[in-house]
PDB file of N, CA and C in Angstrom:
ATOM      1  N   UNK A   1     101.612  94.474 121.833  1.00  0.00           N
ATOM      2  CA  UNK A   1     101.912  95.671 121.075  1.00  0.00           C
ATOM      3  C   UNK A   1     102.801  95.331 119.873  1.00  0.00           C
ATOM      4  N   UNK A   2     103.795  94.497 120.070  1.00  0.00           N
ATOM      5  CA  UNK A   2     104.664  94.110 118.962  1.00  0.00           C
ATOM      6  C   UNK A   2     103.860  93.322 117.932  1.00  0.00           C
ATOM      7  N   UNK A   3     102.951  92.484 118.414  1.00  0.00           N
ATOM      8  CA  UNK A   3     102.115  91.697 117.511  1.00  0.00           C
ATOM      9  C   UNK A   3     101.278  92.620 116.615  1.00  0.00           C
ATOM     10  N   UNK A   4     100.705  93.683 117.189  1.00  0.00           N
ATOM     11  CA  UNK A   4      99.907  94.625 116.406  1.00  0.00           C
ATOM     12  C   UNK A   4     100.764  95.357 115.372  1.00  0.00           C
ATOM     13  N   UNK A   5     101.979  95.714 115.754  1.00  0.00           N
ATOM     14  CA  UNK A   5     102.885  96.398 114.827  1.00  0.00           C
ATOM     15  C   UNK A   5     103.258  95.482 113.667  1.00  0.00           C
ATOM     16  N   UNK A   6     103.470  94.210 113.954  1.00  0.00           N
ATOM     17  CA  UNK A   6     103.818  93.254 112.894  1.00  0.00           C
ATOM     18  C   UNK A   6     102.641  93.066 111.936  1.00  0.00           C
ATOM     19  N   UNK A   7     101.444  92.975 112.472  1.00  0.00           N
ATOM     20  CA  UNK A   7     100.260  92.816 111.617  1.00  0.00           C
ATOM     21  C   UNK A   7     100.101  94.038 110.731  1.00  0.00           C
ATOM     22  N   UNK A   8     100.271  95.232 111.307  1.00  0.00           N
ATOM     23  CA  UNK A   8     100.166  96.466 110.521  1.00  0.00           C
ATOM     24  C   UNK A   8     101.220  96.498 109.422  1.00  0.00           C
ATOM     25  N   UNK A   9     102.430  96.080 109.732  1.00  0.00           N
ATOM     26  CA  UNK A   9     103.510  96.079 108.731  1.00  0.00           C
ATOM     27  C   UNK A   9     103.193  95.112 107.590  1.00  0.00           C
ATOM     28  N   UNK A  10     102.634  93.957 107.929  1.00  0.00           N
ATOM     29  CA  UNK A  10     102.278  92.983 106.895  1.00  0.00           C
ATOM     30  C   UNK A  10     101.175  93.534 106.006  1.00  0.00           C
ATOM     31  N   UNK A  11     100.159  94.132 106.624  1.00  0.00           N
ATOM     32  CA  UNK A  11      99.057  94.685 105.851  1.00  0.00           C
ATOM     33  C   UNK A  11      99.509  95.829 104.962  1.00  0.00           C
ATOM     34  N   UNK A  12     100.332  96.713 105.474  1.00  0.00           N
ATOM     35  CA  UNK A  12     100.830  97.830 104.678  1.00  0.00           C
ATOM     36  C   UNK A  12     101.757  97.357 103.575  1.00  0.00           C
ATOM     37  N   UNK A  13     102.517  96.318 103.837  1.00  0.00           N
ATOM     38  CA  UNK A  13     103.412  95.773 102.820  1.00  0.00           C
ATOM     39  C   UNK A  13     102.651  95.181 101.655  1.00  0.00           C
ATOM     40  N   UNK A  14     101.437  94.671 101.883  1.00  0.00           N
ATOM     41  CA  UNK A  14     100.640  94.083 100.824  1.00  0.00           C
ATOM     42  C   UNK A  14      99.854  95.103 100.018  1.00  0.00           C
ATOM     43  N   UNK A  15      99.690  96.297 100.519  1.00  0.00           N
ATOM     44  CA  UNK A  15      98.864  97.299  99.846  1.00  0.00           C
ATOM     45  C   UNK A  15      99.361  97.668  98.450  1.00  0.00           C
ATOM     46  N   UNK A  16     100.665  97.887  98.220  1.00  0.00           N
ATOM     47  CA  UNK A  16     101.102  98.241  96.872  1.00  0.00           C
ATOM     48  C   UNK A  16     100.791  97.154  95.850  1.00  0.00           C
ATOM     49  N   UNK A  17     100.875  95.892  96.250  1.00  0.00           N
ATOM     50  CA  UNK A  17     100.578  94.816  95.319  1.00  0.00           C
ATOM     51  C   UNK A  17      99.110  94.850  94.909  1.00  0.00           C
ATOM     52  N   UNK A  18      98.234  95.165  95.826  1.00  0.00           N
ATOM     53  CA  UNK A  18      96.826  95.256  95.488  1.00  0.00           C
ATOM     54  C   UNK A  18      96.576  96.428  94.555  1.00  0.00           C
ATOM     55  N   UNK A  19      97.192  97.559  94.818  1.00  0.00           N
ATOM     56  CA  UNK A  19      96.983  98.749  94.004  1.00  0.00           C
ATOM     57  C   UNK A  19      97.516  98.563  92.587  1.00  0.00           C
ATOM     58  N   UNK A  20      98.557  97.778  92.420  1.00  0.00           N
ATOM     59  CA  UNK A  20      99.157  97.594  91.107  1.00  0.00           C
ATOM     60  C   UNK A  20      98.285  96.762  90.175  1.00  0.00           C
ATOM     61  N   UNK A  21      97.257  96.106  90.714  1.00  0.00           N
ATOM     62  CA  UNK A  21      96.423  95.235  89.897  1.00  0.00           C
ATOM     63  C   UNK A  21      95.121  95.914  89.507  1.00  0.00           C
ATOM     64  N   UNK A  22      95.149  97.213  89.294  1.00  0.00           N
ATOM     65  CA  UNK A  22      93.970  97.932  88.864  1.00  0.00           C
ATOM     66  C   UNK A  22      93.133  98.423  90.032  1.00  0.00           C
ATOM     67  N   UNK A  23      92.001  99.047  89.721  1.00  0.00           N
ATOM     68  CA  UNK A  23      91.119  99.574  90.761  1.00  0.00           C
ATOM     69  C   UNK A  23      90.627  98.492  91.701  1.00  0.00           C
ATOM     70  N   UNK A  24      90.161  98.906  92.855  1.00  0.00           N
ATOM     71  CA  UNK A  24      89.723  97.983  93.893  1.00  0.00           C
ATOM     72  C   UNK A  24      88.629  97.054  93.390  1.00  0.00           C
ATOM     73  N   UNK A  25      88.753  95.789  93.750  1.00  0.00           N
ATOM     74  CA  UNK A  25      87.765  94.793  93.353  1.00  0.00           C
ATOM     75  C   UNK A  25      86.419  95.043  94.027  1.00  0.00           C
ATOM     76  N   UNK A  26      86.403  95.846  95.083  1.00  0.00           N
ATOM     77  CA  UNK A  26      85.165  96.116  95.799  1.00  0.00           C
ATOM     78  C   UNK A  26      84.303  97.177  95.106  1.00  0.00           C
ATOM     79  N   UNK A  27      84.821  97.798  94.036  1.00  0.00           N
ATOM     80  CA  UNK A  27      84.045  98.812  93.326  1.00  0.00           C
ATOM     81  C   UNK A  27      82.816  98.163  92.677  1.00  0.00           C
ATOM     82  N   UNK A  28      81.763  98.946  92.513  1.00  0.00           N
ATOM     83  CA  UNK A  28      80.502  98.439  91.973  1.00  0.00           C
ATOM     84  C   UNK A  28      80.600  98.161  90.471  1.00  0.00           C
ATOM     85  N   UNK A  29      80.058  97.023  90.046  1.00  0.00           N
ATOM     86  CA  UNK A  29      80.017  96.661  88.630  1.00  0.00           C
ATOM     87  C   UNK A  29      79.228  97.703  87.843  1.00  0.00           C
ATOM     88  N   UNK A  30      79.664  97.974  86.639  1.00  0.00           N
ATOM     89  CA  UNK A  30      78.971  98.918  85.771  1.00  0.00           C
ATOM     90  C   UNK A  30      79.207  98.507  84.332  1.00  0.00           C
ATOM     91  N   UNK A  31      78.930  99.373  83.396  1.00  0.00           N
ATOM     92  CA  UNK A  31      79.179  99.112  81.985  1.00  0.00           C
ATOM     93  C   UNK A  31      79.705 100.375  81.327  1.00  0.00           C
ATOM     94  N   UNK A  32      80.468 100.205  80.275  1.00  0.00           N
ATOM     95  CA  UNK A  32      80.965 101.330  79.490  1.00  0.00           C
ATOM     96  C   UNK A  32      79.894 101.617  78.435  1.00  0.00           C
ATOM     97  N   UNK A  33      79.300 102.812  78.461  1.00  0.00           N
ATOM     98  CA  UNK A  33      78.258 103.118  77.475  1.00  0.00           C
ATOM     99  C   UNK A  33      78.845 103.351  76.085  1.00  0.00           C
ATOM    100  N   UNK A  34      78.132 102.919  75.082  1.00  0.00           N
ATOM    101  CA  UNK A  34      78.509 103.179  73.679  1.00  0.00           C
ATOM    102  C   UNK A  34      79.983 102.860  73.407  1.00  0.00           C
ATOM    103  N   UNK A  35      80.384 101.624  73.664  1.00  0.00           N
ATOM    104  CA  UNK A  35      81.799 101.240  73.527  1.00  0.00           C
ATOM    105  C   UNK A  35      82.325 101.497  72.110  1.00  0.00           C
ATOM    106  N   UNK A  36      81.473 101.482  71.116  1.00  0.00           N
ATOM    107  CA  UNK A  36      81.916 101.748  69.745  1.00  0.00           C
ATOM    108  C   UNK A  36      82.417 103.172  69.546  1.00  0.00           C
ATOM    109  N   UNK A  37      82.118 104.050  70.509  1.00  0.00           N
ATOM    110  CA  UNK A  37      82.539 105.443  70.399  1.00  0.00           C
ATOM    111  C   UNK A  37      83.526 105.838  71.503  1.00  0.00           C
ATOM    112  N   UNK A  38      84.198 104.856  72.117  1.00  0.00           N
ATOM    113  CA  UNK A  38      85.136 105.174  73.192  1.00  0.00           C
ATOM    114  C   UNK A  38      86.251 106.068  72.671  1.00  0.00           C
ATOM    115  N   UNK A  39      86.872 106.822  73.564  1.00  0.00           N
ATOM    116  CA  UNK A  39      87.896 107.788  73.164  1.00  0.00           C
ATOM    117  C   UNK A  39      89.308 107.207  73.160  1.00  0.00           C
ATOM    118  N   UNK A  40      89.604 106.414  74.166  1.00  0.00           N
ATOM    119  CA  UNK A  40      90.940 105.807  74.218  1.00  0.00           C
ATOM    120  C   UNK A  40      90.940 104.644  75.191  1.00  0.00           C
ATOM    121  N   UNK A  41      91.995 103.832  75.105  1.00  0.00           N
ATOM    122  CA  UNK A  41      92.178 102.734  76.048  1.00  0.00           C
ATOM    123  C   UNK A  41      93.657 102.601  76.357  1.00  0.00           C
ATOM    124  N   UNK A  42      93.937 102.030  77.510  1.00  0.00           N
ATOM    125  CA  UNK A  42      95.327 101.816  77.915  1.00  0.00           C
ATOM    126  C   UNK A  42      95.400 100.546  78.752  1.00  0.00           C
ATOM    127  N   UNK A  43      96.159  99.569  78.293  1.00  0.00           N
ATOM    128  CA  UNK A  43      96.343  98.321  79.032  1.00  0.00           C
ATOM    129  C   UNK A  43      97.297  98.562  80.194  1.00  0.00           C
ATOM    130  N   UNK A  44      97.109  97.810  81.257  1.00  0.00           N
ATOM    131  CA  UNK A  44      97.999  97.938  82.419  1.00  0.00           C
ATOM    132  C   UNK A  44      98.861  96.688  82.586  1.00  0.00           C
ATOM    133  N   UNK A  45      99.263  96.127  81.505  1.00  0.00           N
ATOM    134  CA  UNK A  45     100.008  94.866  81.552  1.00  0.00           C
ATOM    135  C   UNK A  45      99.135  93.819  80.902  1.00  0.00           C
ATOM    136  N   UNK A  46      99.068  92.619  81.474  1.00  0.00           N
ATOM    137  CA  UNK A  46      98.286  91.563  80.852  1.00  0.00           C
ATOM    138  C   UNK A  46      97.048  91.174  81.664  1.00  0.00           C
ATOM    139  N   UNK A  47      96.608  92.049  82.554  1.00  0.00           N
ATOM    140  CA  UNK A  47      95.493  91.715  83.444  1.00  0.00           C
ATOM    141  C   UNK A  47      94.244  92.586  83.245  1.00  0.00           C
ATOM    142  N   UNK A  48      94.374  93.779  82.676  1.00  0.00           N
ATOM    143  CA  UNK A  48      93.207  94.632  82.511  1.00  0.00           C
ATOM    144  C   UNK A  48      93.480  95.809  81.599  1.00  0.00           C
ATOM    145  N   UNK A  49      92.419  96.564  81.334  1.00  0.00           N
ATOM    146  CA  UNK A  49      92.535  97.707  80.433  1.00  0.00           C
ATOM    147  C   UNK A  49      91.665  98.856  80.950  1.00  0.00           C
ATOM    148  N   UNK A  50      92.239 100.060  80.918  1.00  0.00           N
ATOM    149  CA  UNK A  50      91.512 101.284  81.244  1.00  0.00           C
ATOM    150  C   UNK A  50      90.857 101.770  79.955  1.00  0.00           C
ATOM    151  N   UNK A  51      89.604 102.201  80.061  1.00  0.00           N
ATOM    152  CA  UNK A  51      88.858 102.664  78.893  1.00  0.00           C
ATOM    153  C   UNK A  51      88.265 104.031  79.215  1.00  0.00           C
ATOM    154  N   UNK A  52      88.491 105.018  78.329  1.00  0.00           N
ATOM    155  CA  UNK A  52      87.849 106.324  78.502  1.00  0.00           C
ATOM    156  C   UNK A  52      86.690 106.397  77.519  1.00  0.00           C
ATOM    157  N   UNK A  53      85.484 106.485  78.065  1.00  0.00           N
ATOM    158  CA  UNK A  53      84.269 106.515  77.246  1.00  0.00           C
ATOM    159  C   UNK A  53      84.103 107.874  76.591  1.00  0.00           C
ATOM    160  N   UNK A  54      83.140 107.952  75.674  1.00  0.00           N
ATOM    161  CA  UNK A  54      82.876 109.228  75.005  1.00  0.00           C
ATOM    162  C   UNK A  54      82.310 110.270  75.965  1.00  0.00           C
ATOM    163  N   UNK A  55      81.961 109.866  77.179  1.00  0.00           N
ATOM    164  CA  UNK A  55      81.510 110.794  78.219  1.00  0.00           C
ATOM    165  C   UNK A  55      82.690 111.453  78.928  1.00  0.00           C
ATOM    166  N   UNK A  56      83.898 110.926  78.705  1.00  0.00           N
ATOM    167  CA  UNK A  56      85.091 111.421  79.379  1.00  0.00           C
ATOM    168  C   UNK A  56      85.416 110.640  80.645  1.00  0.00           C
ATOM    169  N   UNK A  57      84.511 109.788  81.095  1.00  0.00           N
ATOM    170  CA  UNK A  57      84.759 108.989  82.304  1.00  0.00           C
ATOM    171  C   UNK A  57      85.646 107.797  81.984  1.00  0.00           C
ATOM    172  N   UNK A  58      86.431 107.405  82.993  1.00  0.00           N
ATOM    173  CA  UNK A  58      87.317 106.258  82.864  1.00  0.00           C
ATOM    174  C   UNK A  58      86.687 105.029  83.510  1.00  0.00           C
ATOM    175  N   UNK A  59      86.959 103.869  82.912  1.00  0.00           N
ATOM    176  CA  UNK A  59      86.505 102.577  83.417  1.00  0.00           C
ATOM    177  C   UNK A  59      87.696 101.624  83.398  1.00  0.00           C
ATOM    178  N   UNK A  60      87.602 100.573  84.212  1.00  0.00           N
ATOM    179  CA  UNK A  60      88.655  99.556  84.218  1.00  0.00           C
ATOM    180  C   UNK A  60      87.994  98.205  83.986  1.00  0.00           C
ATOM    181  N   UNK A  61      88.445  97.496  82.957  1.00  0.00           N
ATOM    182  CA  UNK A  61      87.959  96.144  82.661  1.00  0.00           C
ATOM    183  C   UNK A  61      89.053  95.163  83.054  1.00  0.00           C
ATOM    184  N   UNK A  62      88.758  94.347  84.065  1.00  0.00           N
ATOM    185  CA  UNK A  62      89.700  93.325  84.537  1.00  0.00           C
ATOM    186  C   UNK A  62      89.393  92.018  83.807  1.00  0.00           C
ATOM    187  N   UNK A  63      90.417  91.346  83.315  1.00  0.00           N
ATOM    188  CA  UNK A  63      90.242  90.091  82.610  1.00  0.00           C
ATOM    189  C   UNK A  63      90.096  88.928  83.594  1.00  0.00           C
ATOM    190  N   UNK A  64      89.507  87.813  83.143  1.00  0.00           N
ATOM    191  CA  UNK A  64      89.311  86.652  84.006  1.00  0.00           C
ATOM    192  C   UNK A  64      90.626  85.967  84.355  1.00  0.00           C
ATOM    193  N   UNK A  65      91.613  86.184  83.602  1.00  0.00           N
ATOM    194  CA  UNK A  65      92.950  85.641  83.848  1.00  0.00           C
ATOM    195  C   UNK A  65      93.925  86.515  83.084  1.00  0.00           C
ATOM    196  N   UNK A  66      95.150  86.063  82.976  1.00  0.00           N
ATOM    197  CA  UNK A  66      96.110  86.842  82.204  1.00  0.00           C
ATOM    198  C   UNK A  66      95.741  86.794  80.729  1.00  0.00           C
ATOM    199  N   UNK A  67      95.909  87.909  80.068  1.00  0.00           N
ATOM    200  CA  UNK A  67      95.685  88.024  78.623  1.00  0.00           C
ATOM    201  C   UNK A  67      97.083  88.220  78.022  1.00  0.00           C
ATOM    202  N   UNK A  68      97.699  87.140  77.522  1.00  0.00           N
ATOM    203  CA  UNK A  68      99.122  87.139  77.170  1.00  0.00           C
ATOM    204  C   UNK A  68      99.618  88.264  76.275  1.00  0.00           C
ATOM    205  N   UNK A  69      98.826  88.716  75.337  1.00  0.00           N
ATOM    206  CA  UNK A  69      99.310  89.744  74.406  1.00  0.00           C
ATOM    207  C   UNK A  69      98.835  91.144  74.746  1.00  0.00           C
ATOM    208  N   UNK A  70      98.137  91.281  75.868  1.00  0.00           N
ATOM    209  CA  UNK A  70      97.658  92.592  76.304  1.00  0.00           C
ATOM    210  C   UNK A  70      98.816  93.362  76.920  1.00  0.00           C
ATOM    211  N   UNK A  71      99.139  94.496  76.331  1.00  0.00           N
ATOM    212  CA  UNK A  71     100.225  95.348  76.821  1.00  0.00           C
ATOM    213  C   UNK A  71      99.934  96.779  76.391  1.00  0.00           C
ATOM    214  N   UNK A  72     100.616  97.740  76.974  1.00  0.00           N
ATOM    215  CA  UNK A  72     100.360  99.135  76.596  1.00  0.00           C
ATOM    216  C   UNK A  72     100.516  99.364  75.091  1.00  0.00           C
ATOM    217  N   UNK A  73      99.646 100.195  74.561  1.00  0.00           N
ATOM    218  CA  UNK A  73      99.699 100.640  73.158  1.00  0.00           C
ATOM    219  C   UNK A  73      99.474  99.542  72.123  1.00  0.00           C
ATOM    220  N   UNK A  74      98.737  98.491  72.466  1.00  0.00           N
ATOM    221  CA  UNK A  74      98.407  97.445  71.504  1.00  0.00           C
ATOM    222  C   UNK A  74      96.961  97.658  71.051  1.00  0.00           C
ATOM    223  N   UNK A  75      96.662  97.300  69.812  1.00  0.00           N
ATOM    224  CA  UNK A  75      95.296  97.443  69.293  1.00  0.00           C
ATOM    225  C   UNK A  75      94.386  96.411  69.945  1.00  0.00           C
ATOM    226  N   UNK A  76      93.220  96.859  70.387  1.00  0.00           N
ATOM    227  CA  UNK A  76      92.259  95.997  71.079  1.00  0.00           C
ATOM    228  C   UNK A  76      90.908  96.120  70.388  1.00  0.00           C
ATOM    229  N   UNK A  77      90.231  94.981  70.195  1.00  0.00           N
ATOM    230  CA  UNK A  77      88.847  94.970  69.724  1.00  0.00           C
ATOM    231  C   UNK A  77      87.975  94.578  70.912  1.00  0.00           C
ATOM    232  N   UNK A  78      86.874  95.297  71.106  1.00  0.00           N
ATOM    233  CA  UNK A  78      85.954  95.011  72.194  1.00  0.00           C
ATOM    234  C   UNK A  78      84.806  94.167  71.647  1.00  0.00           C
ATOM    235  N   UNK A  79      84.575  92.985  72.241  1.00  0.00           N
ATOM    236  CA  UNK A  79      83.591  92.023  71.750  1.00  0.00           C
ATOM    237  C   UNK A  79      82.432  91.842  72.729  1.00  0.00           C
ATOM    238  N   UNK A  80      81.303  91.445  72.189  1.00  0.00           N
ATOM    239  CA  UNK A  80      80.171  91.084  73.031  1.00  0.00           C
ATOM    240  C   UNK A  80      79.455  92.253  73.662  1.00  0.00           C
ATOM    241  N   UNK A  81      79.555  93.411  73.062  1.00  0.00           N
ATOM    242  CA  UNK A  81      78.903  94.595  73.614  1.00  0.00           C
ATOM    243  C   UNK A  81      77.406  94.513  73.323  1.00  0.00           C
ATOM    244  N   UNK A  82      76.616  94.224  74.358  1.00  0.00           N
ATOM    245  CA  UNK A  82      75.170  94.124  74.203  1.00  0.00           C
ATOM    246  C   UNK A  82      74.558  95.527  74.211  1.00  0.00           C
ATOM    247  N   UNK A  83      73.765  95.831  73.209  1.00  0.00           N
ATOM    248  CA  UNK A  83      73.127  97.141  73.148  1.00  0.00           C
ATOM    249  C   UNK A  83      74.119  98.281  73.003  1.00  0.00           C
ATOM    250  N   UNK A  84      75.320  97.989  72.533  1.00  0.00           N
ATOM    251  CA  UNK A  84      76.338  99.020  72.373  1.00  0.00           C
ATOM    252  C   UNK A  84      77.136  99.312  73.623  1.00  0.00           C
ATOM    253  N   UNK A  85      76.828  98.609  74.720  1.00  0.00           N
ATOM    254  CA  UNK A  85      77.551  98.800  75.981  1.00  0.00           C
ATOM    255  C   UNK A  85      78.523  97.650  76.211  1.00  0.00           C
ATOM    256  N   UNK A  86      79.544  97.883  77.013  1.00  0.00           N
ATOM    257  CA  UNK A  86      80.558  96.868  77.302  1.00  0.00           C
ATOM    258  C   UNK A  86      80.531  96.590  78.800  1.00  0.00           C
ATOM    259  N   UNK A  87      80.342  95.321  79.161  1.00  0.00           N
ATOM    260  CA  UNK A  87      80.261  94.965  80.575  1.00  0.00           C
ATOM    261  C   UNK A  87      80.988  93.649  80.845  1.00  0.00           C
ATOM    262  N   UNK A  88      80.738  93.062  82.022  1.00  0.00           N
ATOM    263  CA  UNK A  88      81.472  91.858  82.444  1.00  0.00           C
ATOM    264  C   UNK A  88      81.147  90.625  81.616  1.00  0.00           C
ATOM    265  N   UNK A  89      80.174  90.701  80.732  1.00  0.00           N
ATOM    266  CA  UNK A  89      79.846  89.580  79.866  1.00  0.00           C
ATOM    267  C   UNK A  89      80.572  89.674  78.528  1.00  0.00           C
ATOM    268  N   UNK A  90      81.387  90.690  78.349  1.00  0.00           N
ATOM    269  CA  UNK A  90      82.099  90.912  77.101  1.00  0.00           C
ATOM    270  C   UNK A  90      83.464  90.238  77.081  1.00  0.00           C
ATOM    271  N   UNK A  91      84.203  90.551  76.040  1.00  0.00           N
ATOM    272  CA  UNK A  91      85.559  90.029  75.862  1.00  0.00           C
ATOM    273  C   UNK A  91      86.339  91.041  75.032  1.00  0.00           C
ATOM    274  N   UNK A  92      87.640  90.862  74.993  1.00  0.00           N
ATOM    275  CA  UNK A  92      88.481  91.672  74.115  1.00  0.00           C
ATOM    276  C   UNK A  92      89.278  90.733  73.219  1.00  0.00           C
ATOM    277  N   UNK A  93      89.680  91.225  72.076  1.00  0.00           N
ATOM    278  CA  UNK A  93      90.547  90.458  71.179  1.00  0.00           C
ATOM    279  C   UNK A  93      91.821  91.264  70.992  1.00  0.00           C
ATOM    280  N   UNK A  94      92.937  90.603  71.267  1.00  0.00           N
ATOM    281  CA  UNK A  94      94.252  91.235  71.169  1.00  0.00           C
ATOM    282  C   UNK A  94      95.159  90.322  70.364  1.00  0.00           C
ATOM    283  N   UNK A  95      95.574  90.768  69.175  1.00  0.00           N
ATOM    284  CA  UNK A  95      96.469  90.004  68.307  1.00  0.00           C
ATOM    285  C   UNK A  95      96.035  88.541  68.178  1.00  0.00           C
ATOM    286  N   UNK A  96      94.731  88.338  67.934  1.00  0.00           N
ATOM    287  CA  UNK A  96      94.210  86.989  67.740  1.00  0.00           C
ATOM    288  C   UNK A  96      93.793  86.257  69.006  1.00  0.00           C
ATOM    289  N   UNK A  97      94.149  86.766  70.168  1.00  0.00           N
ATOM    290  CA  UNK A  97      93.778  86.135  71.438  1.00  0.00           C
ATOM    291  C   UNK A  97      92.475  86.736  71.935  1.00  0.00           C
ATOM    292  N   UNK A  98      91.550  85.878  72.384  1.00  0.00           N
ATOM    293  CA  UNK A  98      90.286  86.333  72.962  1.00  0.00           C
ATOM    294  C   UNK A  98      90.394  86.202  74.471  1.00  0.00           C
ATOM    295  N   UNK A  99      90.169  87.296  75.173  1.00  0.00           N
ATOM    296  CA  UNK A  99      90.270  87.319  76.628  1.00  0.00           C
ATOM    297  C   UNK A  99      88.941  87.737  77.218  1.00  0.00           C
ATOM    298  N   UNK A 100      88.417  86.927  78.136  1.00  0.00           N
ATOM    299  CA  UNK A 100      87.122  87.189  78.754  1.00  0.00           C
ATOM    300  C   UNK A 100      87.246  88.204  79.874  1.00  0.00           C
ATOM    301  N   UNK A 101      86.223  89.033  80.013  1.00  0.00           N
ATOM    302  CA  UNK A 101      86.196  90.072  81.038  1.00  0.00           C
ATOM    303  C   UNK A 101      85.619  89.507  82.335  1.00  0.00           C
ATOM    304  N   UNK A 102      86.250  89.835  83.439  1.00  0.00           N
ATOM    305  CA  UNK A 102      85.770  89.435  84.757  1.00  0.00           C
ATOM    306  C   UNK A 102      84.875  90.515  85.356  1.00  0.00           C
ATOM    307  N   UNK A 103      85.286  91.783  85.223  1.00  0.00           N
ATOM    308  CA  UNK A 103      84.503  92.883  85.787  1.00  0.00           C
ATOM    309  C   UNK A 103      84.821  94.180  85.069  1.00  0.00           C
ATOM    310  N   UNK A 104      83.861  95.108  85.150  1.00  0.00           N
ATOM    311  CA  UNK A 104      84.031  96.462  84.621  1.00  0.00           C
ATOM    312  C   UNK A 104      83.558  97.419  85.716  1.00  0.00           C
ATOM    313  N   UNK A 105      84.438  98.327  86.121  1.00  0.00           N
ATOM    314  CA  UNK A 105      84.112  99.286  87.183  1.00  0.00           C
ATOM    315  C   UNK A 105      84.552 100.688  86.750  1.00  0.00           C
ATOM    316  N   UNK A 106      83.913 101.715  87.340  1.00  0.00           N
ATOM    317  CA  UNK A 106      84.387 103.080  87.113  1.00  0.00           C
ATOM    318  C   UNK A 106      85.747 103.217  87.761  1.00  0.00           C
ATOM    319  N   UNK A 107      86.589 104.079  87.217  1.00  0.00           N
ATOM    320  CA  UNK A 107      87.962 104.180  87.678  1.00  0.00           C
ATOM    321  C   UNK A 107      88.486 105.595  87.523  1.00  0.00           C
ATOM    322  N   UNK A 108      89.561 105.862  88.230  1.00  0.00           N
ATOM    323  CA  UNK A 108      90.347 107.065  87.982  1.00  0.00           C
ATOM    324  C   UNK A 108      91.131 106.833  86.692  1.00  0.00           C
ATOM    325  N   UNK A 109      91.714 107.870  86.104  1.00  0.00           N
ATOM    326  CA  UNK A 109      92.556 107.644  84.914  1.00  0.00           C
ATOM    327  C   UNK A 109      93.690 106.685  85.237  1.00  0.00           C
ATOM    328  N   UNK A 110      94.266 106.060  84.227  1.00  0.00           N
ATOM    329  CA  UNK A 110      95.383 105.135  84.475  1.00  0.00           C
ATOM    330  C   UNK A 110      96.542 105.851  85.148  1.00  0.00           C
ATOM    331  N   UNK A 111      97.347 105.125  85.907  1.00  0.00           N
ATOM    332  CA  UNK A 111      98.518 105.744  86.538  1.00  0.00           C
ATOM    333  C   UNK A 111      99.398 106.425  85.481  1.00  0.00           C
ATOM    334  N   UNK A 112      99.906 107.584  85.825  1.00  0.00           N
ATOM    335  CA  UNK A 112     100.768 108.326  84.907  1.00  0.00           C
ATOM    336  C   UNK A 112     100.007 109.115  83.858  1.00  0.00           C
ATOM    337  N   UNK A 113      98.687 109.167  84.005  1.00  0.00           N
ATOM    338  CA  UNK A 113      97.849 109.887  83.028  1.00  0.00           C
ATOM    339  C   UNK A 113      96.980 110.879  83.783  1.00  0.00           C
ATOM    340  N   UNK A 114      96.958 112.087  83.356  1.00  0.00           N
ATOM    341  CA  UNK A 114      96.116 113.095  83.999  1.00  0.00           C
ATOM    342  C   UNK A 114      94.658 112.890  83.665  1.00  0.00           C
ATOM    343  N   UNK A 115      93.739 113.646  84.338  1.00  0.00           N
ATOM    344  CA  UNK A 115      92.300 113.503  84.130  1.00  0.00           C
ATOM    345  C   UNK A 115      91.867 114.076  82.858  1.00  0.00           C
TER     346      UNK A 115
END
């Protein structure tokens, strides 16, 4: 019984760290339609960016590694959009740095932002 309680405590203790790194990695891959007409974006540090498409839906693009200059309220250029869409084969440019995308998934709005 104590062993089960310890395992539960360890698992629960790790949950906030997973949540802080963007939406769940288990979410299905998708693409942001018409990225040239997106409404807004918000970086979540140096690991990913939330994107609100012209449809009003939110997406999360996780980078393949840390993107050193990616931070809230910085100008971002979206690269490699095939057919006007942005997916895991794309990249972003931030203050001269090119950062490759690892995945793009549908998401809730960024933390601290209403729908």
